[in-house]
Amino acid sequence: MRLTLHQFSEQQTSLRVTAESGNRMWLAPDADSAQRLVDRRVSRGQIWMVAEMAQIAEARTIAALLSAAGVVYGDVDVEDEEHAAPAGPIRR
């Protein structure tokens, strides 16, 4: 089955995935679907929602771009916009 995260999020069905190792996880399109699984006694730790997968995909994409640009993880300081220092003049 080939679905984008967006296409999967529009479905009303959760999917159980079993790895070769025997480990299982559930893919849920949204929080309501995830809650239905929890109500059926599936551990929340085994459930991934589309929004969570998208965040991981985005983080990996950003990390790959930074790595390609030669930025090392330890070189990066993260601030939220509210606490960011004002930008100074650009110096060349």
Protein backbone atom coordinates (compact mmCIF):
# COMPACT_ATOMS: atom_id res chain seq x y z
CA MET A 1 0.00 0.00 0.00
CA ARG A 2 1.38 3.42 -0.96
CA LEU A 3 -0.12 6.45 0.76
CA THR A 4 1.30 9.83 1.61
CA LEU A 5 0.87 10.98 5.21
CA HIS A 6 -1.80 13.38 4.00
CA GLN A 7 -3.73 10.62 2.22
CA PHE A 8 -3.47 8.36 5.26
CA SER A 9 -4.71 11.14 7.56
CA GLU A 10 -7.92 11.28 5.53
CA GLN A 11 -8.60 7.56 6.14
CA GLN A 12 -10.68 6.41 9.10
CA THR A 13 -8.70 3.22 9.63
CA SER A 14 -5.67 2.62 11.81
CA LEU A 15 -3.04 0.17 10.60
CA ARG A 16 -1.12 -2.39 12.63
CA VAL A 17 2.45 -2.87 11.45
CA THR A 18 4.53 -5.86 12.51
CA ALA A 19 8.29 -5.74 11.94
CA GLU A 20 10.37 -8.83 11.13
CA SER A 21 11.57 -8.71 14.75
CA GLY A 22 7.98 -9.23 15.88
CA ASN A 23 7.64 -5.71 17.29
CA ARG A 24 4.25 -4.16 16.59
CA MET A 25 3.10 -0.61 16.24
CA TRP A 26 -0.09 1.11 15.17
CA LEU A 27 -0.39 3.98 12.72
CA ALA A 28 -3.40 6.18 13.50
CA PRO A 29 -4.69 8.94 11.23
CA ASP A 30 -5.65 11.26 14.12
CA ALA A 31 -6.04 11.65 17.89
CA ASP A 32 -9.56 10.20 17.90
CA SER A 33 -8.34 7.04 16.17
CA ALA A 34 -5.44 6.79 18.59
CA GLN A 35 -7.82 7.13 21.54
CA ARG A 36 -10.03 4.35 20.17
CA LEU A 37 -6.97 2.08 20.14
CA VAL A 38 -6.11 3.07 23.72
CA ASP A 39 -9.73 2.29 24.68
CA ARG A 40 -9.12 -1.18 23.22
CA ARG A 41 -6.12 -1.52 25.57
CA VAL A 42 -3.39 -0.80 23.04
CA SER A 43 -0.46 0.92 24.78
CA ARG A 44 -0.17 4.58 23.71
CA GLY A 45 3.56 3.95 23.30
CA GLN A 46 2.78 1.62 20.39
CA ILE A 47 0.64 4.20 18.56
CA TRP A 48 1.97 6.82 16.15
CA MET A 49 -0.34 9.49 14.77
CA VAL A 50 0.16 11.12 11.38
CA ALA A 51 1.01 14.45 13.04
CA GLU A 52 3.78 12.76 15.06
CA MET A 53 5.20 11.06 11.98
CA ALA A 54 5.15 14.37 10.09
CA GLN A 55 7.09 16.06 12.90
CA ILE A 56 9.74 13.35 12.77
CA ALA A 57 9.92 13.54 8.98
CA GLU A 58 10.27 17.34 9.16
CA ALA A 59 12.96 17.11 11.83
CA ARG A 60 14.93 14.58 9.77
CA THR A 61 14.62 16.76 6.68
CA ILE A 62 15.89 19.79 8.59
CA ALA A 63 18.73 17.76 10.10
CA ALA A 64 19.70 16.47 6.64
CA LEU A 65 19.71 20.01 5.21
CA LEU A 66 21.85 21.30 8.08
CA SER A 67 24.23 18.38 7.72
CA ALA A 68 24.52 18.98 3.99
CA ALA A 69 25.35 22.61 4.77
CA GLY A 70 28.13 21.45 7.10
CA VAL A 71 26.36 22.43 10.33
CA VAL A 72 27.09 20.09 13.22
CA TYR A 73 24.26 19.42 15.69
CA GLY A 74 26.25 20.80 18.62
CA ASP A 75 26.77 24.07 16.74
CA VAL A 76 23.07 24.94 16.73
CA ASP A 77 21.28 26.89 19.46
CA VAL A 78 17.50 26.81 19.34
CA GLU A 79 15.35 29.70 20.54
CA ASP A 80 11.68 30.38 20.19
CA GLU A 81 10.69 33.58 18.40
CA GLU A 82 9.54 35.28 21.61
CA HIS A 83 13.01 35.05 23.18
CA ALA A 84 15.13 35.57 20.06
CA ALA A 85 17.68 38.35 20.14
CA PRO A 86 17.01 41.19 17.69
CA ALA A 87 18.93 40.82 14.44
CA GLY A 88 21.91 43.08 14.03
CA PRO A 89 23.33 44.50 10.83
CA ILE A 90 24.64 42.02 8.29
CA ARG A 91 28.42 42.16 8.04
CA ARG A 92 30.34 40.75 5.13
